Every structure is written in structure tokens, then in C-alpha cells.
């Protein structure tokens, strides 16, 4: 997947599965990310947001479109070129 294609997925996502998720979207999202980058985790935090891996690393690791779309649907986003999620 190319970078612009990856970014577009998140620009068009509406977080539509968040209210149906029976688990913590932060935890679930980190599990998806760790399928591609096993040592990934929380790499930074602000007042109400956590940051994980750089999107280029995730793309290079071969993230599938389906997983990128799922992350968007559970309210993950791209912030400062990193995967991020409100907590």
C-alpha cells in the first residue's frame, strides 16, 4: 500500500465501529499494529491522546488495507505522521 492510499483511508473513515466494539479501542488497535510491528506500543502521549508507530514504518511492514480500514473504524487516526488514538 502506498502512503497516500493509507492516509486517504483515515481521512474517509468515520469511526463507525467504535460504539459496537466490546473492548478498548486503544488496546485493540495496538494489537492490530503489533501484528505488523511486534515491538510496537505507545510511543508518546498528550492530555487525551496516545501515539504509536510512525505510519511509514507500518506501511513498510505491509499493513493490509482491511486492517487499516479497521483501525479507522475503531477511531484510530493519523496525527503528526504517527498512528494515534484518543483515550
N, C-alpha and C. Protein backbone atom coordinates (compact mmCIF):
# COMPACT_ATOMS: atom_id res chain seq x y z
N UNK A 1 0.85 -1.17 0.00
CA UNK A 1 0.00 0.00 0.00
C UNK A 1 0.90 1.23 0.00
N UNK A 2 0.48 2.23 -0.75
CA UNK A 2 1.24 3.48 -0.81
C UNK A 2 0.77 4.43 0.28
N UNK A 3 1.66 5.36 0.63
CA UNK A 3 1.40 6.30 1.72
C UNK A 3 0.12 7.10 1.49
N UNK A 4 -0.07 7.64 0.29
CA UNK A 4 -1.26 8.45 0.03
C UNK A 4 -2.54 7.64 0.13
N UNK A 5 -2.48 6.38 -0.27
CA UNK A 5 -3.63 5.47 -0.16
C UNK A 5 -3.95 5.21 1.32
N UNK A 6 -2.91 5.00 2.12
CA UNK A 6 -3.06 4.76 3.55
C UNK A 6 -3.70 5.97 4.22
N UNK A 7 -3.19 7.15 3.94
CA UNK A 7 -3.72 8.38 4.53
C UNK A 7 -5.18 8.59 4.15
N UNK A 8 -5.51 8.33 2.91
CA UNK A 8 -6.89 8.51 2.43
C UNK A 8 -7.88 7.63 3.21
N UNK A 9 -7.45 6.42 3.55
CA UNK A 9 -8.31 5.53 4.34
C UNK A 9 -8.75 6.22 5.62
N UNK A 10 -7.82 6.88 6.30
CA UNK A 10 -8.13 7.52 7.58
C UNK A 10 -8.89 8.83 7.39
N UNK A 11 -8.64 9.52 6.30
CA UNK A 11 -9.38 10.75 6.02
C UNK A 11 -10.85 10.45 5.76
N UNK A 12 -11.13 9.29 5.19
CA UNK A 12 -12.50 8.93 4.84
C UNK A 12 -13.21 8.12 5.92
N UNK A 13 -12.49 7.74 6.96
CA UNK A 13 -13.08 6.89 7.99
C UNK A 13 -13.97 7.71 8.93
N UNK A 14 -15.01 7.06 9.41
CA UNK A 14 -15.94 7.75 10.31
C UNK A 14 -15.96 7.18 11.73
N UNK A 15 -15.07 6.25 12.04
CA UNK A 15 -15.07 5.65 13.38
C UNK A 15 -16.33 4.87 13.67
N UNK A 16 -16.97 4.36 12.62
CA UNK A 16 -18.28 3.74 12.72
C UNK A 16 -18.41 2.51 13.58
N UNK A 17 -17.34 1.82 13.86
CA UNK A 17 -17.45 0.61 14.69
C UNK A 17 -17.19 0.87 16.17
N UNK A 18 -16.76 2.07 16.51
CA UNK A 18 -16.38 2.35 17.89
C UNK A 18 -17.49 2.02 18.88
N UNK A 19 -18.72 2.42 18.59
CA UNK A 19 -19.81 2.18 19.53
C UNK A 19 -20.22 0.71 19.60
N UNK A 20 -19.81 -0.10 18.61
CA UNK A 20 -20.14 -1.53 18.61
C UNK A 20 -19.02 -2.39 19.20
N UNK A 21 -17.87 -1.80 19.42
CA UNK A 21 -16.72 -2.53 19.93
C UNK A 21 -16.93 -2.87 21.39
N UNK A 22 -16.74 -4.13 21.73
CA UNK A 22 -16.93 -4.57 23.11
C UNK A 22 -15.61 -4.62 23.88
N UNK A 23 -14.65 -3.84 23.45
CA UNK A 23 -13.33 -3.83 24.07
C UNK A 23 -12.77 -2.42 23.95
N UNK A 24 -11.63 -2.19 24.52
CA UNK A 24 -10.96 -0.89 24.47
C UNK A 24 -10.35 -0.68 23.09
N UNK A 25 -10.77 0.35 22.38
CA UNK A 25 -10.27 0.58 21.03
C UNK A 25 -8.77 0.87 21.01
N UNK A 26 -8.24 1.42 22.08
CA UNK A 26 -6.79 1.65 22.15
C UNK A 26 -6.07 0.30 22.16
N UNK A 27 -6.50 -0.58 23.03
CA UNK A 27 -5.88 -1.90 23.16
C UNK A 27 -6.03 -2.71 21.87
N UNK A 28 -7.22 -2.72 21.30
CA UNK A 28 -7.47 -3.48 20.07
C UNK A 28 -6.61 -2.93 18.94
N UNK A 29 -6.54 -1.62 18.82
CA UNK A 29 -5.72 -1.01 17.77
C UNK A 29 -4.25 -1.34 17.92
N UNK A 30 -3.75 -1.32 19.15
CA UNK A 30 -2.35 -1.67 19.38
C UNK A 30 -2.10 -3.13 19.02
N UNK A 31 -3.07 -3.99 19.26
CA UNK A 31 -2.91 -5.40 18.87
C UNK A 31 -2.81 -5.54 17.35
N UNK A 32 -3.61 -4.79 16.61
CA UNK A 32 -3.54 -4.82 15.14
C UNK A 32 -2.16 -4.33 14.69
N UNK A 33 -1.71 -3.23 15.24
CA UNK A 33 -0.40 -2.68 14.88
C UNK A 33 0.71 -3.66 15.19
N UNK A 34 0.62 -4.34 16.32
CA UNK A 34 1.66 -5.29 16.72
C UNK A 34 1.71 -6.52 15.82
N UNK A 35 0.67 -6.80 15.07
CA UNK A 35 0.72 -7.89 14.09
C UNK A 35 1.76 -7.58 13.02
N UNK A 36 1.99 -6.32 12.75
CA UNK A 36 2.93 -5.89 11.72
C UNK A 36 4.28 -5.46 12.30
N UNK A 37 4.25 -4.86 13.46
CA UNK A 37 5.48 -4.42 14.13
C UNK A 37 5.41 -4.95 15.57
N UNK A 38 5.94 -6.16 15.80
CA UNK A 38 5.77 -6.83 17.09
C UNK A 38 6.21 -6.05 18.33
N UNK A 39 7.17 -5.17 18.20
CA UNK A 39 7.63 -4.43 19.38
C UNK A 39 6.96 -3.06 19.51
N UNK A 40 5.92 -2.81 18.71
CA UNK A 40 5.22 -1.51 18.75
C UNK A 40 4.40 -1.39 20.02
N UNK A 41 4.22 -0.18 20.43
CA UNK A 41 3.40 0.11 21.60
C UNK A 41 3.07 1.59 21.61
N UNK A 42 2.86 2.11 22.78
CA UNK A 42 2.61 3.54 22.94
C UNK A 42 3.97 4.23 22.97
N UNK A 43 4.14 5.17 22.07
CA UNK A 43 5.43 5.85 21.95
C UNK A 43 5.38 7.29 22.46
N UNK A 44 4.20 7.76 22.83
CA UNK A 44 4.06 9.10 23.35
C UNK A 44 2.62 9.36 23.74
N UNK A 45 2.42 10.43 24.48
CA UNK A 45 1.07 10.77 24.92
C UNK A 45 0.96 12.27 25.17
N UNK A 46 -0.21 12.78 24.99
CA UNK A 46 -0.58 14.14 25.37
C UNK A 46 -1.73 14.03 26.35
N UNK A 47 -2.42 15.11 26.56
CA UNK A 47 -3.52 15.15 27.53
C UNK A 47 -4.54 14.05 27.31
N UNK A 48 -5.01 13.84 26.10
CA UNK A 48 -6.07 12.87 25.87
C UNK A 48 -5.83 12.02 24.62
N UNK A 49 -4.57 11.87 24.22
CA UNK A 49 -4.26 11.12 23.01
C UNK A 49 -2.95 10.35 23.21
N UNK A 50 -2.92 9.14 22.65
CA UNK A 50 -1.67 8.38 22.66
C UNK A 50 -1.18 8.26 21.22
N UNK A 51 0.12 8.12 21.10
CA UNK A 51 0.75 7.97 19.79
C UNK A 51 1.47 6.63 19.76
N UNK A 52 1.39 5.98 18.60
CA UNK A 52 2.10 4.72 18.41
C UNK A 52 3.08 4.89 17.25
N UNK A 53 3.22 3.90 16.42
CA UNK A 53 4.25 3.86 15.39
C UNK A 53 4.08 4.91 14.30
N UNK A 54 5.18 5.26 13.68
CA UNK A 54 5.19 6.12 12.51
C UNK A 54 4.48 5.40 11.37
N UNK A 55 3.65 6.10 10.63
CA UNK A 55 2.86 5.45 9.59
C UNK A 55 3.74 4.83 8.50
N UNK A 56 4.87 5.43 8.21
CA UNK A 56 5.75 4.87 7.18
C UNK A 56 6.29 3.50 7.60
N UNK A 57 6.57 3.32 8.88
CA UNK A 57 7.02 2.01 9.38
C UNK A 57 5.91 0.97 9.22
N UNK A 58 4.69 1.38 9.50
CA UNK A 58 3.56 0.47 9.40
C UNK A 58 3.29 0.09 7.95
N UNK A 59 3.38 1.05 7.07
CA UNK A 59 3.20 0.78 5.64
C UNK A 59 4.31 -0.14 5.14
N UNK A 60 5.55 0.16 5.53
CA UNK A 60 6.69 -0.67 5.11
C UNK A 60 6.57 -2.09 5.64
N UNK A 61 5.95 -2.24 6.81
CA UNK A 61 5.76 -3.57 7.40
C UNK A 61 4.68 -4.36 6.67
N UNK A 62 3.95 -3.70 5.76
CA UNK A 62 2.99 -4.40 4.91
C UNK A 62 1.56 -4.45 5.42
N UNK A 63 1.13 -3.44 6.18
CA UNK A 63 -0.24 -3.46 6.68
C UNK A 63 -1.24 -3.65 5.53
N UNK A 64 -2.19 -4.51 5.76
CA UNK A 64 -3.23 -4.77 4.76
C UNK A 64 -4.29 -3.68 4.82
N UNK A 65 -4.88 -3.40 3.68
CA UNK A 65 -5.94 -2.39 3.58
C UNK A 65 -7.05 -2.68 4.60
N UNK A 66 -7.44 -3.93 4.72
CA UNK A 66 -8.52 -4.31 5.64
C UNK A 66 -8.19 -3.89 7.08
N UNK A 67 -6.95 -4.07 7.49
CA UNK A 67 -6.56 -3.69 8.85
C UNK A 67 -6.49 -2.18 9.02
N UNK A 68 -6.02 -1.48 8.00
CA UNK A 68 -6.00 -0.02 8.06
C UNK A 68 -7.43 0.52 8.16
N UNK A 69 -8.33 -0.03 7.38
CA UNK A 69 -9.73 0.39 7.44
C UNK A 69 -10.33 0.10 8.81
N UNK A 70 -10.00 -1.05 9.36
CA UNK A 70 -10.50 -1.42 10.69
C UNK A 70 -10.01 -0.43 11.75
N UNK A 71 -8.73 -0.07 11.69
CA UNK A 71 -8.20 0.91 12.65
C UNK A 71 -8.98 2.22 12.56
N UNK A 72 -9.26 2.66 11.34
CA UNK A 72 -10.06 3.88 11.18
C UNK A 72 -11.46 3.74 11.75
N UNK A 73 -12.04 2.57 11.57
CA UNK A 73 -13.40 2.33 12.06
C UNK A 73 -13.48 2.25 13.57
N UNK A 74 -12.34 1.96 14.23
CA UNK A 74 -12.36 1.93 15.70
C UNK A 74 -11.72 3.20 16.28
N UNK A 75 -11.72 4.24 15.44
CA UNK A 75 -11.37 5.60 15.86
C UNK A 75 -9.88 5.87 16.02
N UNK A 76 -9.04 5.09 15.34
CA UNK A 76 -7.63 5.44 15.27
C UNK A 76 -7.47 6.45 14.15
N UNK A 77 -6.39 7.23 14.18
CA UNK A 77 -6.18 8.28 13.20
C UNK A 77 -4.69 8.48 12.97
N UNK A 78 -4.39 9.35 12.04
CA UNK A 78 -3.00 9.75 11.80
C UNK A 78 -2.83 11.14 12.36
N UNK A 79 -1.86 11.29 13.22
CA UNK A 79 -1.56 12.58 13.84
C UNK A 79 -0.05 12.73 13.86
N UNK A 80 0.44 13.79 13.25
CA UNK A 80 1.89 14.05 13.19
C UNK A 80 2.65 12.86 12.62
N UNK A 81 2.12 12.26 11.56
CA UNK A 81 2.70 11.11 10.86
C UNK A 81 2.82 9.85 11.73
N UNK A 82 2.08 9.79 12.80
CA UNK A 82 2.05 8.61 13.66
C UNK A 82 0.63 8.12 13.81
N UNK A 83 0.48 6.85 14.09
CA UNK A 83 -0.83 6.32 14.44
C UNK A 83 -1.18 6.87 15.82
N UNK A 84 -2.42 7.29 15.98
CA UNK A 84 -2.82 7.92 17.23
C UNK A 84 -4.26 7.56 17.56
N UNK A 85 -4.60 7.69 18.84
CA UNK A 85 -5.94 7.37 19.28
C UNK A 85 -6.27 8.18 20.53
N UNK A 86 -7.49 8.72 20.56
CA UNK A 86 -7.96 9.40 21.78
C UNK A 86 -8.22 8.36 22.86
N UNK A 87 -7.91 8.74 24.09
CA UNK A 87 -8.15 7.84 25.22
C UNK A 87 -9.19 8.42 26.15
